[in-house]
């Protein structure tokens, strides 16, 4: 029998899955019963926000590349907007995948004492998105176009305004409604 009080020897590696399992089962109380409201909210978030972001961000990037190429010399041209949107999409996709693969299943299973850690990470990333949204507003001139802007430029700014509003509401739903019960 292995003496768990001894440190692992140089030839003996710690077993990360066993450690992770022990940490996950360490309990300050029983897990909560799955919440039907959480299930409905997760379904809404997946359909209304995750899928919408995955569809609309590439469209906005395409529009931004066109506007930046065609209007490169125009005053107020949103130089760097396409790259900023692409960075936002990369960060968002990684964030959404972690929610879909790890956090949402934990919530649907009623949570665990360890759920505070992934929720804390997601909320910290939401703060990072707030900074990205400030930069988005700056790059688009607060979503305003020059009076003589073409239809593509107008469509780009309208889509950026929508992305901003959708991301803010998406984060509010998660922070205030979905995550909050697990932080009390």
Protein backbone atom coordinates (compact mmCIF):
# COMPACT_ATOMS: atom_id res chain seq x y z
CA UNK A 1 0.00 0.00 0.00
CA UNK A 2 1.31 3.42 -0.94
CA UNK A 3 1.81 5.84 1.96
CA UNK A 4 0.02 9.02 0.78
CA UNK A 5 1.83 11.10 3.40
CA UNK A 6 5.20 10.63 1.71
CA UNK A 7 6.23 12.95 -1.14
CA UNK A 8 6.49 11.35 -4.57
CA UNK A 9 10.00 10.07 -5.24
CA UNK A 10 12.00 11.31 -8.20
CA UNK A 11 10.87 8.34 -10.30
CA UNK A 12 7.28 8.54 -9.19
CA UNK A 13 5.05 11.11 -10.93
CA UNK A 14 1.94 12.55 -9.39
CA UNK A 15 -1.26 11.28 -11.01
CA UNK A 16 -3.00 14.45 -12.29
CA UNK A 17 -6.31 12.71 -13.09
CA UNK A 18 -6.40 11.24 -9.58
CA UNK A 19 -5.59 14.61 -8.05
CA UNK A 20 -8.24 16.32 -10.20
CA UNK A 21 -10.80 13.66 -9.24
CA UNK A 22 -10.01 14.09 -5.54
CA UNK A 23 -10.34 17.86 -5.82
CA UNK A 24 -13.64 17.62 -7.71
CA UNK A 25 -15.09 15.24 -5.14
CA UNK A 26 -13.91 17.28 -2.15
CA UNK A 27 -17.16 18.79 -1.07
CA UNK A 28 -18.33 21.63 1.08
CA UNK A 29 -21.79 20.16 0.64
CA UNK A 30 -23.79 18.17 -1.86
CA UNK A 31 -24.09 19.42 -5.43
CA UNK A 32 -27.26 21.33 -6.23
CA UNK A 33 -30.09 19.73 -8.10
CA UNK A 34 -30.05 20.67 -11.77
CA UNK A 35 -32.07 23.84 -12.29
CA UNK A 36 -34.65 23.93 -15.09
CA UNK A 37 -34.21 27.70 -15.35
CA UNK A 38 -30.47 27.23 -15.88
CA UNK A 39 -31.17 24.68 -18.62
CA UNK A 40 -33.49 27.10 -20.39
CA UNK A 41 -31.05 29.95 -20.02
CA UNK A 42 -28.18 27.87 -21.38
CA UNK A 43 -30.33 26.86 -24.34
CA UNK A 44 -31.10 30.55 -25.00
CA UNK A 45 -27.44 31.55 -24.69
CA UNK A 46 -26.33 28.81 -27.09
CA UNK A 47 -28.96 29.54 -29.74
CA UNK A 48 -29.30 33.31 -29.49
CA UNK A 49 -25.72 34.31 -28.68
CA UNK A 50 -23.10 31.63 -29.32
CA UNK A 51 -24.44 30.67 -32.75
CA UNK A 52 -25.20 34.29 -33.66
CA UNK A 53 -21.64 35.39 -32.75
CA UNK A 54 -20.19 32.53 -34.81
CA UNK A 55 -22.21 33.67 -37.82
CA UNK A 56 -21.94 37.46 -37.49
CA UNK A 57 -18.30 37.98 -36.52
CA UNK A 58 -16.96 36.51 -39.81
CA UNK A 59 -19.45 38.66 -41.71
CA UNK A 60 -18.25 41.78 -39.85
CA UNK A 61 -14.60 40.87 -40.53
CA UNK A 62 -15.34 40.54 -44.26
CA UNK A 63 -17.14 43.90 -44.32
CA UNK A 64 -14.32 45.57 -42.37
CA UNK A 65 -11.67 44.25 -44.78
CA UNK A 66 -13.67 45.67 -47.72
CA UNK A 67 -14.14 49.06 -46.08
CA UNK A 68 -10.50 49.28 -45.04
CA UNK A 69 -9.34 48.39 -48.58
CA UNK A 70 -11.72 50.62 -50.52
CA UNK A 71 -11.68 53.62 -48.17
CA UNK A 72 -8.08 53.47 -46.93
CA UNK A 73 -7.55 57.18 -47.63
CA UNK A 74 -10.94 58.37 -46.39
CA UNK A 75 -11.16 60.34 -43.14
CA UNK A 76 -12.50 58.13 -40.37
CA UNK A 77 -11.63 54.88 -42.11
CA UNK A 78 -11.65 52.20 -39.39
CA UNK A 79 -8.05 51.06 -39.91
CA UNK A 80 -7.33 47.92 -37.91
CA UNK A 81 -11.00 47.07 -37.36
CA UNK A 82 -10.89 43.76 -39.26
CA UNK A 83 -7.89 42.60 -37.24
CA UNK A 84 -9.55 43.69 -33.99
CA UNK A 85 -12.72 41.80 -34.89
CA UNK A 86 -10.66 38.72 -35.78
CA UNK A 87 -8.91 38.86 -32.40
CA UNK A 88 -12.26 39.24 -30.65
CA UNK A 89 -13.63 36.25 -32.55
CA UNK A 90 -10.62 34.07 -31.64
CA UNK A 91 -10.96 34.96 -27.97
CA UNK A 92 -14.73 34.52 -28.06
CA UNK A 93 -14.59 31.13 -29.76
CA UNK A 94 -12.14 29.81 -27.16
CA UNK A 95 -14.31 31.21 -24.36
CA UNK A 96 -17.53 29.76 -25.79
CA UNK A 97 -15.96 26.33 -26.31
CA UNK A 98 -14.89 26.20 -22.65
CA UNK A 99 -18.39 27.16 -21.60
CA UNK A 100 -19.99 24.56 -23.87
CA UNK A 101 -17.59 21.72 -23.06
CA UNK A 102 -16.89 22.31 -19.36
CA UNK A 103 -18.90 24.96 -17.55
CA UNK A 104 -22.40 24.47 -18.95
CA UNK A 105 -22.32 20.69 -18.36
CA UNK A 106 -21.17 21.36 -14.77
CA UNK A 107 -24.06 23.78 -14.28
CA UNK A 108 -26.56 21.34 -15.77
CA UNK A 109 -25.25 18.64 -13.42
CA UNK A 110 -25.97 20.89 -10.46
CA UNK A 111 -22.47 22.29 -10.04
CA UNK A 112 -19.78 21.31 -7.59
CA UNK A 113 -17.69 23.18 -5.04
CA UNK A 114 -15.07 23.65 -7.77
CA UNK A 115 -17.47 25.47 -10.11
CA UNK A 116 -16.44 28.82 -8.65
CA UNK A 117 -13.09 28.56 -10.46
CA UNK A 118 -14.35 28.21 -14.05
CA UNK A 119 -17.07 30.78 -13.35
CA UNK A 120 -14.46 33.19 -12.00
CA UNK A 121 -12.35 32.67 -15.12
CA UNK A 122 -15.32 33.28 -17.43
CA UNK A 123 -16.23 36.46 -15.55
CA UNK A 124 -12.64 37.71 -15.78
CA UNK A 125 -12.75 37.09 -19.52
CA UNK A 126 -16.00 39.06 -19.67
CA UNK A 127 -14.07 42.00 -18.22
CA UNK A 128 -11.51 41.56 -21.03
CA UNK A 129 -14.38 41.69 -23.54
CA UNK A 130 -15.48 45.02 -22.03
CA UNK A 131 -12.06 46.43 -22.97
CA UNK A 132 -12.35 44.96 -26.47
CA UNK A 133 -15.78 46.55 -26.84
CA UNK A 134 -14.38 49.96 -25.84
CA UNK A 135 -11.75 49.53 -28.55
CA UNK A 136 -14.46 48.50 -31.03
CA UNK A 137 -16.37 51.69 -30.29
CA UNK A 138 -13.21 53.75 -30.73
CA UNK A 139 -12.30 52.09 -34.04
CA UNK A 140 -15.79 52.70 -35.44
CA UNK A 141 -16.07 56.27 -34.15
CA UNK A 142 -18.84 55.18 -31.78
CA UNK A 143 -20.51 53.33 -34.68
CA UNK A 144 -20.87 56.54 -36.70
CA UNK A 145 -20.19 56.77 -40.44
CA UNK A 146 -19.25 59.77 -42.52
CA UNK A 147 -22.29 61.34 -44.19
CA UNK A 148 -21.15 60.06 -47.59
CA UNK A 149 -20.29 56.51 -46.43
CA UNK A 150 -21.13 53.68 -48.78
CA UNK A 151 -23.66 50.96 -47.99
CA UNK A 152 -20.93 48.51 -46.98
CA UNK A 153 -19.51 50.93 -44.42
CA UNK A 154 -23.00 51.60 -43.04
CA UNK A 155 -23.72 47.85 -42.85
CA UNK A 156 -20.39 47.31 -41.08
CA UNK A 157 -21.11 49.91 -38.42
CA UNK A 158 -24.66 48.64 -37.92
CA UNK A 159 -23.32 45.11 -37.47
CA UNK A 160 -20.61 46.29 -35.07
CA UNK A 161 -23.26 48.11 -33.02
CA UNK A 162 -25.31 44.89 -32.92
CA UNK A 163 -22.27 42.80 -31.91
CA UNK A 164 -21.60 45.27 -29.10
CA UNK A 165 -25.19 45.14 -27.82
CA UNK A 166 -25.39 41.33 -28.16
CA UNK A 167 -22.12 40.73 -26.32
CA UNK A 168 -23.13 43.05 -23.49
CA UNK A 169 -26.49 41.30 -23.06
CA UNK A 170 -24.87 37.87 -23.40
CA UNK A 171 -22.40 38.66 -20.61
CA UNK A 172 -25.13 40.18 -18.42
CA UNK A 173 -27.27 37.05 -18.70
CA UNK A 174 -24.35 34.83 -17.77
CA UNK A 175 -22.96 36.98 -14.96
CA UNK A 176 -26.23 38.02 -13.31
CA UNK A 177 -28.55 35.10 -13.99
CA UNK A 178 -26.61 31.95 -14.86
CA UNK A 179 -23.46 32.27 -12.75
CA UNK A 180 -24.70 34.25 -9.74
CA UNK A 181 -26.53 31.35 -7.98
CA UNK A 182 -23.28 29.37 -7.87
CA UNK A 183 -21.35 32.23 -6.26
CA UNK A 184 -23.55 32.61 -3.17
